[in-house]
Protein backbone atom coordinates (compact mmCIF):
# COMPACT_ATOMS: atom_id res chain seq x y z
CA PRO A 1 34.97 1.98 5.34
CA GLY A 2 34.51 4.83 8.15
CA PHE A 3 33.39 8.57 6.83
CA PRO A 4 37.16 9.94 7.42
CA GLU A 5 38.62 7.22 5.05
CA VAL A 6 35.97 7.72 2.59
CA LEU A 7 36.86 11.29 2.80
CA ARG A 8 40.53 10.51 2.35
CA GLY A 9 39.83 8.60 -0.70
CA VAL A 10 37.70 11.50 -2.34
CA VAL A 11 40.82 13.78 -1.72
CA GLU A 12 43.44 11.40 -3.03
CA ALA A 13 41.15 10.82 -6.33
CA TYR A 14 40.68 14.57 -6.79
CA ARG A 15 44.22 15.11 -6.39
CA ASN A 16 45.94 12.11 -8.13
CA HIS A 17 43.12 11.47 -10.88
CA ARG A 18 41.16 14.59 -11.58
CA ASP A 19 40.66 13.81 -15.52
CA ASP A 20 39.24 10.22 -14.52
CA VAL A 21 36.90 12.18 -12.05
CA CYS A 22 35.45 14.46 -14.61
CA ARG A 23 34.93 11.95 -16.95
CA ASN A 24 32.93 9.97 -14.54
CA VAL A 25 30.79 13.14 -13.40
CA GLN A 26 29.83 13.40 -17.16
CA LYS A 27 28.93 10.05 -17.23
CA VAL A 28 26.83 10.25 -14.19
CA LYS A 29 25.06 13.35 -15.26
CA ALA A 30 24.30 11.49 -18.52
CA GLY A 31 22.76 8.40 -16.71
CA LEU A 32 20.93 10.56 -14.53
CA LEU A 33 19.53 12.61 -17.52
CA ARG A 34 18.60 9.13 -19.39
CA VAL A 35 16.88 7.52 -16.50
CA GLY A 36 15.23 10.68 -15.24
CA THR A 37 13.87 11.94 -18.47
CA PRO A 38 11.46 9.36 -20.05
CA GLN A 39 10.57 9.61 -23.46
CA PRO A 40 6.84 9.73 -24.46
CA SER A 41 5.62 7.32 -26.76
CA ASP A 42 2.69 7.76 -29.33
CA ASP A 43 2.33 3.98 -29.69
CA PRO A 44 -1.26 2.66 -28.41
CA LEU A 45 -1.85 1.90 -24.76
CA THR A 46 -3.35 -1.66 -25.23
CA ASP A 47 -4.20 -4.81 -23.08
CA ARG A 48 -0.94 -6.29 -24.57
CA LEU A 49 1.18 -4.19 -22.10
CA LEU A 50 -0.60 -5.57 -19.10
CA GLU A 51 -0.39 -9.30 -20.76
CA GLU A 52 3.17 -9.01 -21.40
CA ALA A 53 3.93 -7.50 -17.95
CA ALA A 54 2.06 -10.34 -16.18
CA LYS A 55 3.95 -12.98 -18.08
CA ASN A 56 7.42 -11.51 -17.41
CA LEU A 57 6.48 -11.43 -13.63
CA GLY A 58 5.35 -14.82 -13.67
CA GLN A 59 8.93 -16.05 -15.22
CA PHE A 60 10.81 -15.10 -12.32
CA PHE A 61 8.26 -15.71 -9.66
CA ASP A 62 9.42 -18.64 -6.95
CA PRO A 63 6.80 -21.32 -7.70
CA VAL A 64 7.72 -22.90 -4.14
CA HIS A 65 7.85 -20.07 -1.84
CA GLY A 66 6.69 -17.38 -3.44
CA GLY A 67 8.36 -14.00 -4.38
CA PHE A 68 10.51 -12.76 -7.00
CA GLY A 69 13.94 -14.43 -7.42
CA GLU A 70 15.75 -16.44 -4.86
CA GLY A 71 16.65 -14.12 -2.17
CA PRO A 72 16.86 -12.31 -0.45
CA LYS A 73 13.12 -11.33 -0.81
CA PHE A 74 11.35 -7.93 -0.34
CA PRO A 75 7.64 -8.09 0.21
CA THR A 76 7.05 -5.64 -3.00
CA VAL A 77 3.29 -5.14 -3.33
CA PRO A 78 2.63 -3.65 -6.50
CA PRO A 79 3.71 -6.66 -8.64
CA LEU A 80 1.50 -9.03 -6.58
CA SER A 81 -1.28 -6.04 -7.28
CA LEU A 82 -0.77 -6.43 -10.85
CA MET A 83 -0.99 -10.10 -11.14
CA LEU A 84 -3.90 -10.42 -9.49
CA ARG A 85 -5.88 -7.76 -11.49
CA GLN A 86 -4.49 -10.06 -14.61
CA ALA A 87 -6.10 -12.90 -13.30
CA VAL A 88 -9.60 -10.88 -13.04
CA ARG A 89 -8.96 -9.59 -16.32
CA THR A 90 -8.12 -12.79 -18.31
CA LYS A 91 -9.96 -15.36 -15.81
CA ASP A 92 -6.55 -17.27 -15.61
CA VAL A 93 -6.74 -17.99 -11.74
CA SER A 94 -2.69 -19.10 -12.52
CA HIS A 95 -1.23 -15.67 -11.38
CA GLN A 96 -3.99 -15.27 -8.76
CA GLU A 97 -2.70 -18.74 -7.24
CA LEU A 98 0.98 -17.54 -7.17
CA VAL A 99 0.26 -14.56 -5.15
CA LEU A 100 -2.17 -16.30 -2.58
CA LEU A 101 1.05 -18.81 -2.24
CA GLN A 102 3.19 -15.82 -1.50
CA LEU A 103 0.73 -14.42 0.90
CA ARG A 104 0.25 -17.63 2.73
CA THR A 105 3.89 -18.46 3.02
CA MET A 106 4.92 -14.79 4.30
CA ALA A 107 2.30 -15.27 6.99
CA ALA A 108 3.71 -18.52 8.07
CA GLY A 109 7.29 -17.31 7.87
CA GLY A 110 9.66 -15.32 10.23
CA ILE A 111 9.08 -12.15 8.07
CA TYR A 112 5.88 -11.70 9.95
CA ASP A 113 5.86 -11.07 13.63
CA HIS A 114 3.77 -13.95 15.07
CA LEU A 115 3.38 -12.61 18.45
CA GLY A 116 3.18 -8.73 17.86
CA GLY A 117 1.66 -8.55 14.26
CA GLY A 118 3.51 -6.62 11.73
CA PHE A 119 5.81 -7.61 8.89
CA HIS A 120 10.10 -7.05 9.07
CA ARG A 121 11.43 -5.30 6.26
CA TYR A 122 12.56 -8.34 4.06
CA SER A 123 13.84 -12.02 4.39
CA VAL A 124 17.51 -12.60 4.07
CA ASP A 125 16.66 -16.00 2.54
CA GLY A 126 14.41 -17.47 -0.02
CA GLN A 127 12.02 -19.16 2.21
CA TRP A 128 10.76 -15.95 4.37
CA LEU A 129 12.07 -17.33 7.34
CA ILE A 130 15.16 -14.95 8.66
CA PRO A 131 14.21 -11.48 8.71
CA HIS A 132 16.12 -7.99 8.80
CA PHE A 133 13.79 -7.14 11.77
CA GLU A 134 13.27 -3.57 10.97
CA LYS A 135 9.59 -2.88 10.49
CA MET A 136 8.65 0.11 8.26
CA LEU A 137 5.24 1.91 7.99
CA TYR A 138 5.47 1.84 4.31
CA ASP A 139 5.36 -2.02 4.15
CA ASN A 140 2.98 -2.66 6.79
CA ALA A 141 0.67 -0.36 4.95
CA GLN A 142 0.81 -1.92 1.51
CA LEU A 143 0.97 -5.53 2.93
CA VAL A 144 -2.22 -4.91 4.82
CA ARG A 145 -4.12 -3.90 1.39
CA ILE A 146 -2.96 -7.07 -0.54
CA TYR A 147 -3.99 -9.28 2.36
CA LEU A 148 -7.48 -7.80 2.49
CA ASP A 149 -7.09 -8.44 -1.47
CA GLY A 150 -6.53 -11.94 -0.50
CA TRP A 151 -9.38 -12.24 2.24
CA ARG A 152 -11.80 -10.70 -0.40
CA LEU A 153 -10.78 -13.38 -3.06
CA THR A 154 -10.67 -16.58 -0.66
CA LYS A 155 -12.35 -15.26 2.78
CA GLU A 156 -9.27 -17.24 4.59
CA ASP A 157 -9.72 -16.28 8.47
CA ARG A 158 -5.86 -16.18 8.31
CA PHE A 159 -5.87 -13.10 5.91
CA ARG A 160 -8.04 -11.60 8.10
CA GLU A 161 -6.08 -12.17 11.21
CA ILE A 162 -2.88 -10.73 9.49
CA VAL A 163 -4.80 -7.60 8.80
CA GLU A 164 -6.20 -6.85 12.20
CA GLU A 165 -2.91 -7.96 14.02
CA THR A 166 -0.62 -5.85 11.68
CA LEU A 167 -3.10 -2.87 12.48
CA GLU A 168 -2.93 -3.25 15.96
CA PHE A 169 0.79 -3.24 15.69
CA VAL A 170 0.67 -0.06 13.92
CA ARG A 171 -1.77 1.27 16.72
CA ARG A 172 0.49 -0.18 19.63
CA GLU A 173 3.80 0.94 18.27
CA LEU A 174 3.68 3.41 15.55
CA THR A 175 0.77 5.81 16.44
CA HIS A 176 1.57 9.45 17.71
CA PRO A 177 -0.60 10.69 20.63
CA ASP A 178 -2.56 12.72 17.86
CA GLY A 179 -3.13 10.24 15.60
CA ALA A 180 -0.63 10.23 12.92
CA PHE A 181 2.26 7.44 12.44
CA TYR A 182 5.88 7.38 13.24
CA ALA A 183 8.09 5.81 10.47
CA ALA A 184 9.75 2.77 11.82
CA GLN A 185 10.67 0.41 14.37
CA ASP A 186 14.45 -0.55 14.30
CA ALA A 187 16.00 -3.93 14.27
CA ASP A 188 18.29 -3.64 16.95
CA SER A 189 17.92 -3.35 20.99
CA GLU A 190 20.45 -4.28 23.48
CA GLY A 191 23.29 -3.93 20.46
CA HIS A 192 21.94 -6.97 18.81
CA GLU A 193 19.98 -7.37 15.63
CA GLY A 194 16.42 -9.03 16.39
CA ALA A 195 17.08 -9.23 20.10
CA TYR A 196 13.96 -8.32 20.80
CA PHE A 197 12.22 -10.62 18.87
CA LEU A 198 14.32 -13.98 19.33
CA TRP A 199 13.54 -17.00 21.48
CA GLU A 200 15.29 -19.91 23.36
CA PRO A 201 13.23 -22.95 24.50
CA GLY A 202 14.03 -22.27 28.02
CA GLU A 203 12.78 -18.95 27.77
CA ILE A 204 9.40 -19.97 26.48
CA VAL A 205 9.17 -22.93 29.22
CA SER A 206 9.55 -20.34 31.81
CA VAL A 207 6.53 -18.33 30.43
CA LEU A 208 4.19 -21.05 29.65
CA GLY A 209 5.41 -24.19 31.50
CA PRO A 210 6.67 -27.20 30.21
CA ASP A 211 3.73 -28.94 28.29
CA VAL A 212 2.38 -25.88 26.64
CA ALA A 213 5.76 -25.05 25.84
CA GLU A 214 6.40 -28.21 24.19
CA GLU A 215 3.23 -27.77 21.98
CA PHE A 216 4.33 -23.96 21.04
CA CYS A 217 7.72 -24.81 20.19
CA LEU A 218 6.70 -27.81 17.85
CA HIS A 219 4.00 -25.31 16.18
CA TYR A 220 6.20 -22.40 16.14
CA GLY A 221 9.64 -23.99 14.59
CA VAL A 222 11.64 -23.46 18.13
CA THR A 223 14.52 -25.93 18.73
CA GLU A 224 17.56 -25.86 20.88
CA SER A 225 19.72 -25.33 18.08
CA GLY A 226 17.84 -22.39 16.88
CA ASN A 227 17.32 -21.07 13.34
CA PHE A 228 19.23 -17.59 13.90
CA GLU A 229 22.47 -17.37 15.72
CA GLY A 230 21.61 -20.03 18.02
CA LYS A 231 18.33 -18.57 18.70
CA ASN A 232 14.70 -18.90 17.13
CA VAL A 233 12.57 -16.64 14.98
CA LEU A 234 9.07 -17.90 15.47
CA ASN A 235 7.62 -19.25 12.39
CA ARG A 236 4.95 -22.01 11.08
CA LEU A 237 6.71 -22.87 7.73
CA SER A 238 6.81 -26.67 8.50
CA GLU A 239 3.01 -26.40 9.27
CA LYS A 240 1.43 -23.70 6.91
CA GLN A 241 -1.95 -25.00 7.63
CA LEU A 242 -2.15 -25.04 11.62
CA PRO A 243 -5.62 -26.83 12.47
CA PRO A 244 -8.00 -24.17 13.75
CA ASP A 245 -8.33 -26.08 17.37
CA ALA A 246 -4.60 -25.89 17.54
CA LEU A 247 -4.47 -22.29 16.78
CA ASP A 248 -6.98 -21.65 19.13
CA ALA A 249 -5.63 -23.41 21.80
CA LEU A 250 -2.30 -21.46 21.50
CA ARG A 251 -3.85 -18.02 21.60
CA PRO A 252 -3.65 -17.68 25.25
CA ALA A 253 0.11 -18.78 24.95
CA LYS A 254 0.98 -15.93 22.46
CA VAL A 255 -0.83 -13.50 24.59
CA LYS A 256 1.53 -14.60 27.61
CA LEU A 257 4.80 -14.59 25.43
CA LEU A 258 3.82 -11.15 23.95
CA ALA A 259 3.53 -9.62 27.62
CA ALA A 260 6.83 -11.50 28.54
CA ARG A 261 8.60 -9.78 25.46
CA GLU A 262 7.11 -6.46 26.37
CA ARG A 263 9.31 -6.58 29.42
CA ARG A 264 12.26 -6.57 27.17
CA MET A 265 14.24 -3.79 26.15
CA LYS A 266 12.37 -2.49 22.93
CA PRO A 267 13.90 -1.39 19.74
CA GLN A 268 14.03 2.21 18.80
CA ARG A 269 11.43 4.12 16.91
CA ASP A 270 11.92 6.10 14.06
CA ASP A 271 9.70 9.00 15.36
CA ASN A 272 9.87 10.80 11.88
CA ILE A 273 6.34 11.73 10.65
CA LEU A 274 6.62 11.44 6.78
CA THR A 275 3.40 12.58 4.81
CA SER A 276 3.66 10.31 1.99
CA TRP A 277 3.82 7.26 4.38
CA ASN A 278 1.09 8.56 6.70
CA ALA A 279 -1.18 9.13 3.78
CA MET A 280 -0.67 5.71 2.35
CA THR A 281 -1.60 4.30 6.20
CA VAL A 282 -4.74 6.26 6.16
CA SER A 283 -6.03 4.63 2.96
CA THR A 284 -4.90 1.34 4.50
CA TYR A 285 -7.15 1.75 7.48
CA LEU A 286 -10.18 3.04 5.28
CA ASP A 287 -9.63 0.11 3.12
CA ALA A 288 -10.08 -2.41 6.49
CA TYR A 289 -12.77 -0.13 7.43
CA GLN A 290 -14.85 -0.63 4.62
CA THR A 291 -14.09 -4.47 4.22
CA PHE A 292 -14.91 -5.20 7.92
CA GLY A 293 -17.18 -2.26 9.10
CA LEU A 294 -15.36 -2.12 12.48
CA PRO A 295 -15.57 1.84 13.11
CA GLY A 296 -12.31 2.05 15.09
CA TYR A 297 -10.41 1.59 11.79
CA LEU A 298 -12.30 4.89 10.07
CA THR A 299 -11.61 6.77 13.50
CA ALA A 300 -7.89 5.85 13.09
CA ALA A 301 -7.78 6.99 9.54
CA GLU A 302 -9.76 10.28 10.44
CA ARG A 303 -7.54 11.11 13.22
CA ALA A 304 -4.59 10.86 10.83
CA LEU A 305 -5.93 12.62 7.84
CA THR A 306 -6.96 15.64 10.20
CA PHE A 307 -3.16 15.72 11.50
CA LEU A 308 -2.05 15.88 7.91
CA LEU A 309 -4.42 18.41 6.97
CA ASP A 310 -3.94 20.47 9.83
CA TYR A 311 -0.20 20.62 9.99
CA ALA A 312 1.36 19.13 6.51
CA VAL A 313 -0.48 21.47 4.13
CA GLU A 314 -0.58 25.07 3.98
CA ASN A 315 -2.55 26.73 1.19
CA GLY A 316 -2.28 23.60 -1.02
CA ARG A 317 1.39 23.23 -0.64
CA VAL A 318 1.96 19.87 1.14
CA TYR A 319 5.27 19.41 3.14
CA ARG A 320 7.52 16.40 3.57
CA THR A 321 7.51 15.82 7.20
CA VAL A 322 6.02 17.51 10.26
CA THR A 323 8.17 18.03 13.32
CA ALA A 324 7.06 19.27 16.72
CA GLY A 325 3.45 20.57 15.28
CA LYS A 326 4.91 21.98 12.11
CA GLY A 327 5.16 21.02 8.44
CA ARG A 328 8.85 20.85 7.35
CA LEU A 329 10.65 20.53 4.09
CA ASN A 330 9.18 20.68 0.73
CA GLY A 331 7.24 17.91 -0.18
CA TYR A 332 7.95 15.72 -3.06
CA LEU A 333 5.51 14.11 -5.73
CA ASP A 334 4.78 11.08 -3.54
CA ASP A 335 3.88 13.00 -0.41
CA ALA A 336 1.32 15.33 -2.53
CA ALA A 337 0.02 12.47 -4.63
CA CYS A 338 -0.44 9.82 -1.60
CA LEU A 339 -2.24 12.79 0.18
CA ALA A 340 -4.72 13.19 -2.63
CA ALA A 341 -5.18 9.67 -2.82
CA SER A 342 -5.96 9.14 0.94
CA LEU A 343 -8.66 12.05 0.51
CA LEU A 344 -10.29 10.44 -2.22
CA ASP A 345 -10.50 7.17 -0.43
CA ALA A 346 -12.12 9.24 2.66
CA PHE A 347 -14.67 10.67 0.41
CA GLU A 348 -15.62 7.19 -0.90
CA ALA A 349 -15.86 5.96 2.88
CA THR A 350 -17.51 8.52 4.53
CA SER A 351 -19.44 10.60 1.79
CA HIS A 352 -18.25 13.96 3.29
CA ARG A 353 -17.97 16.41 0.41
CA TRP A 354 -15.28 18.26 2.15
CA TYR A 355 -12.84 15.29 1.61
CA LEU A 356 -13.50 15.33 -2.04
CA ILE A 357 -12.89 19.27 -2.01
CA GLN A 358 -9.68 19.10 -0.51
CA ALA A 359 -8.59 16.04 -2.74
CA ARG A 360 -9.33 18.65 -5.87
CA GLU A 361 -7.29 21.41 -4.19
CA VAL A 362 -4.13 19.12 -3.36
CA THR A 363 -4.37 17.63 -6.71
CA ASP A 364 -4.58 21.12 -8.59
CA HIS A 365 -1.93 22.35 -6.57
CA LEU A 366 0.25 19.26 -7.42
CA LEU A 367 -0.38 19.84 -11.21
CA GLU A 368 0.67 23.36 -10.97
CA ARG A 369 3.65 22.61 -9.25
CA PHE A 370 5.01 19.18 -10.44
CA TRP A 371 3.66 18.79 -13.77
CA ASP A 372 6.14 19.09 -17.06
CA GLU A 373 4.29 21.34 -19.31
CA THR A 374 6.51 20.47 -22.23
CA ALA A 375 6.37 16.83 -22.16
CA GLY A 376 3.82 15.60 -19.71
CA GLY A 377 4.02 13.75 -16.48
CA CYS A 378 5.28 14.87 -13.20
CA PHE A 379 8.62 15.74 -12.10
CA TYR A 380 9.89 14.46 -8.41
CA THR A 381 10.32 18.00 -7.17
CA SER A 382 8.52 21.20 -7.48
CA ARG A 383 9.03 23.81 -9.60
CA ASP A 384 10.12 26.02 -6.56
CA HIS A 385 12.32 23.10 -5.11
CA GLU A 386 16.01 23.95 -4.46
CA ALA A 387 17.94 23.47 -7.90
CA LEU A 388 19.48 20.00 -8.10
CA LEU A 389 21.86 18.30 -10.41
CA HIS A 390 19.06 17.00 -12.72
CA ARG A 391 15.03 17.36 -12.21
CA MET A 392 13.79 13.94 -12.18
CA LYS A 393 10.56 12.41 -13.75
CA SER A 394 10.21 8.62 -13.12
CA GLY A 395 7.59 6.13 -13.44
CA THR A 396 9.55 3.70 -11.45
CA ASP A 397 8.44 1.89 -7.97
CA SER A 398 10.95 2.06 -5.26
CA ALA A 399 10.00 0.91 -1.70
CA ILE A 400 6.59 2.71 -2.38
CA PRO A 401 4.65 3.02 -5.80
CA SER A 402 5.95 5.84 -7.94
CA GLY A 403 4.23 9.24 -7.70
CA ASN A 404 3.51 9.36 -11.02
CA ALA A 405 1.67 6.08 -10.74
CA ILE A 406 -0.38 7.77 -7.83
CA VAL A 407 -1.22 10.49 -9.73
CA ALA A 408 -2.76 8.72 -12.60
CA SER A 409 -4.61 6.95 -10.20
CA VAL A 410 -5.73 10.17 -8.67
CA LEU A 411 -6.49 11.93 -12.13
CA LEU A 412 -8.57 8.73 -12.96
CA LYS A 413 -10.89 8.60 -9.62
CA LEU A 414 -11.22 12.52 -10.06
CA PHE A 415 -12.64 11.93 -13.44
CA SER A 416 -14.90 9.24 -12.52
CA PHE A 417 -16.41 11.50 -9.56
CA THR A 418 -16.34 14.89 -11.80
CA ARG A 419 -16.64 14.05 -15.31
CA GLU A 420 -13.89 16.96 -15.73
CA GLN A 421 -11.97 16.05 -18.77
CA ARG A 422 -8.92 17.70 -17.88
CA TYR A 423 -8.46 14.98 -15.35
CA HIS A 424 -8.49 12.02 -17.95
CA ASP A 425 -6.63 13.91 -20.55
CA ARG A 426 -3.67 14.42 -18.12
CA ALA A 427 -3.66 10.69 -16.94
CA GLU A 428 -3.78 9.70 -20.56
CA GLN A 429 -0.77 11.69 -21.24
CA LEU A 430 1.24 10.42 -18.19
CA PHE A 431 0.69 7.11 -19.68
CA LYS A 432 1.89 8.00 -22.81
CA VAL A 433 5.10 9.64 -21.03
CA PHE A 434 5.91 6.04 -19.30
CA ARG A 435 4.72 3.75 -22.00
CA ASN A 436 8.22 2.69 -23.07
CA VAL A 437 8.97 2.30 -18.82
CA MET A 438 5.91 -0.12 -18.75
CA GLU A 439 6.81 -2.10 -21.81
CA HIS A 440 10.57 -2.66 -20.51
CA ASN A 441 10.17 -2.87 -16.71
CA ALA A 442 7.20 -4.58 -15.66
CA TYR A 443 8.74 -5.50 -12.27
CA GLY A 444 9.48 -1.84 -11.60
CA SER A 445 6.62 -0.16 -13.10
CA SER A 446 3.81 -2.42 -11.77
CA ALA A 447 1.89 0.27 -10.03
CA MET A 448 1.71 2.28 -13.08
CA LEU A 449 0.60 -0.70 -14.99
CA CYS A 450 -2.25 -1.16 -12.09
CA SER A 451 -3.27 2.16 -12.73
CA LEU A 452 -3.20 1.52 -16.68
CA ASP A 453 -5.16 -1.43 -16.02
CA TRP A 454 -8.21 0.67 -14.49
CA HIS A 455 -7.81 3.13 -17.60
CA LEU A 456 -8.15 0.37 -20.07
CA ALA A 457 -10.82 -1.57 -18.33
CA THR A 458 -12.67 1.71 -17.07
CA PRO A 459 -14.10 1.22 -13.44
CA HIS A 460 -17.47 0.12 -12.54
CA GLU A 461 -19.37 3.49 -11.01
CA ILE A 462 -21.72 2.20 -8.01
CA VAL A 463 -23.78 4.45 -6.83
CA VAL A 464 -26.07 3.67 -3.86
CA VAL A 465 -29.12 5.86 -2.93
CA GLY A 466 -29.56 5.79 0.58
CA THR A 467 -28.61 6.87 4.20
CA ARG A 468 -25.23 5.93 5.80
CA GLY A 469 -25.77 4.05 8.95
CA ASP A 470 -28.72 2.76 7.71
CA ALA A 471 -28.91 -1.07 8.07
CA LYS A 472 -29.79 -1.83 4.33
CA THR A 473 -27.63 0.80 2.88
CA GLU A 474 -24.80 -0.54 5.01
CA ALA A 475 -25.56 -4.24 3.61
CA LEU A 476 -25.40 -3.04 0.30
CA LEU A 477 -21.66 -1.38 0.41
CA SER A 478 -20.50 -4.31 2.44
CA THR A 479 -21.49 -6.33 -0.76
CA VAL A 480 -19.31 -4.15 -2.80
CA HIS A 481 -16.16 -3.68 -0.31
CA GLN A 482 -15.99 -7.77 0.36
CA ARG A 483 -15.88 -8.38 -3.20
CA TYR A 484 -12.47 -8.18 -5.36
CA LEU A 485 -13.35 -5.19 -7.45
CA PRO A 486 -9.85 -3.55 -8.10
CA ASN A 487 -11.38 -1.17 -10.39
CA ARG A 488 -14.36 0.66 -8.85
CA THR A 489 -15.68 3.72 -7.51
CA VAL A 490 -18.59 3.94 -5.04
CA LEU A 491 -20.61 6.97 -4.13
CA VAL A 492 -23.22 7.00 -1.74
CA ALA A 493 -26.01 9.55 -3.00
CA ASP A 494 -28.04 10.66 0.22
CA ALA A 495 -31.77 9.46 -0.02
CA SER A 496 -32.78 13.07 1.42
CA ARG A 497 -31.72 15.08 -1.73
CA ARG A 498 -34.25 16.13 -4.35
CA ALA A 499 -35.00 12.80 -6.27
CA GLY A 500 -32.45 12.46 -8.99
CA LYS A 501 -30.68 15.94 -8.30
CA SER A 502 -26.68 16.20 -7.64
CA ASP A 503 -23.77 18.26 -8.69
CA LEU A 504 -21.90 14.91 -9.05
CA PRO A 505 -22.75 13.89 -12.45
CA LEU A 506 -22.38 10.19 -11.24
CA ALA A 507 -25.16 10.47 -9.05
CA VAL A 508 -27.73 12.51 -11.41
CA GLY A 509 -30.87 10.64 -12.23
CA LYS A 510 -30.36 7.74 -9.42
CA THR A 511 -33.40 7.61 -7.49
CA SER A 512 -34.41 5.34 -4.64
CA VAL A 513 -37.20 2.60 -5.47
CA ASN A 514 -40.00 2.64 -3.01
CA GLY A 515 -37.97 4.56 -0.49
CA GLN A 516 -35.38 1.67 -0.19
CA PRO A 517 -31.80 1.90 -0.49
CA THR A 518 -31.24 1.31 -4.03
CA VAL A 519 -27.80 0.47 -5.99
CA TYR A 520 -26.81 1.32 -9.55
CA VAL A 521 -23.88 -0.38 -11.06
CA CYS A 522 -22.42 1.98 -13.91
CA HIS A 523 -19.88 0.93 -16.80
CA ARG A 524 -18.95 2.85 -19.49
CA GLN A 525 -21.67 5.31 -19.28
CA THR A 526 -24.41 2.67 -19.17
CA CYS A 527 -25.99 1.70 -15.90
CA SER A 528 -27.76 -1.08 -14.61
CA ALA A 529 -31.49 -1.20 -13.66
CA PRO A 530 -31.77 -0.37 -9.86
CA ALA A 531 -31.21 -2.99 -7.27
CA THR A 532 -32.27 -2.93 -3.62
CA GLU A 533 -30.88 -6.52 -2.50
CA SER A 534 -27.50 -7.57 -1.82
CA GLN A 535 -28.57 -10.88 -3.94
CA GLN A 536 -29.43 -8.63 -6.80
CA LEU A 537 -26.03 -6.58 -6.45
CA GLU A 538 -24.14 -9.78 -6.42
CA ARG A 539 -25.27 -10.77 -9.74
CA LEU A 540 -24.68 -7.11 -11.06
CA LEU A 541 -21.11 -7.21 -9.83
């Protein structure tokens, strides 16, 4: 219905059924109070929460195509991350294999843009074939990270290609001239959904010639009848494991088709610059940089982070969006939480102490403005936000992980680096607030359960005494970052400091051996003997 029709319906209801409307208002208020006010629990925080959550997720996972349920399917990442963590925790690879199944199927399906890189919003079917064609920044930021995890576990070339092609899509289509990231690319162009992305066989022949076009259409599921309104969404679902030589032979064809597609009318772009989505993307670029060592990823991350700190933060206050070089709208919990998380990731990736200082400042302001001093946990809006019907406090994920789950992760990382007990205590209190939510809604609270996994396992704290840029130092770091280690912090202590001295507790007492870059692996206050070779480090990990 059009909006005038909706308004007429509201007027009619209020005139003729006012008592019903008032009763419904009270029910809505009661419902908001119930879902937005979690009841803290003193029940123990144990591994059983994680075990039951992974079991419940597995029960409604599609064992044929991957994903949850029958369709439409959304590429929701936190449940996949939780299943991978549980596989490591229990040494039961069945959860891992389910996740890898989904990653491989999505990479072959039409939800992935095989020419331009990047993932569409969701699949309207259960096979990941036909997408809703919009591409969201937050989806691609999260999916790159789970594909990085997939690569760490398998070293499959296809997973690395997905990472590199998706980040290239973000660079090409969603990057502001000053380094920040736009929100989305729309689904429609020329008045039709997906028009920019669809192909007919004749169009492909006109670009590639008949022989190459025939080979391309065979491998990418292109037919005369089509699979979407008479046209074709490119996919490789009928041939998930394309032989490497065939794939290599078709690379020039993909380049030509992308160039031809670029001449079409492009979908519009959502030019909003949202702080939380940008910060998530910064963390993604940093993850890719540390995994593959490509300096362009670090440059992209630092440019965007500088933009956020210049325009989206003022005296510790984080704004929701940046418009025309000015921060606007009071930030929500996820804006401050994601920014703090990205600053900690930048500190890990660069060792620049300034990033750690900024992370602490943003986090302390966050706790001051969002923390519930009565019951614990963080409200979605700050204490100086406009008055709302109910001030919600949620641990449930939406399209992005819940702000409270990210806050828990930030607090635990800060505790690891600083040993300030207040961070640890707030995190533990936060888990108690959302314990019942985690127990009864594994899918919706997967991000919180991932943070709980960190808390219960306690991270491996890896200290490298060396100089960034030194080949042996970088080799040790690469050994760490190319392994799947979901619960770990990494600190590089400069070898030029006074032997064993540091104001960060993690680095105290750690010295180099014979002047060589040296690594220590610590867990629960106990550290390994120093190691200087990557093979030694592999064994310690």
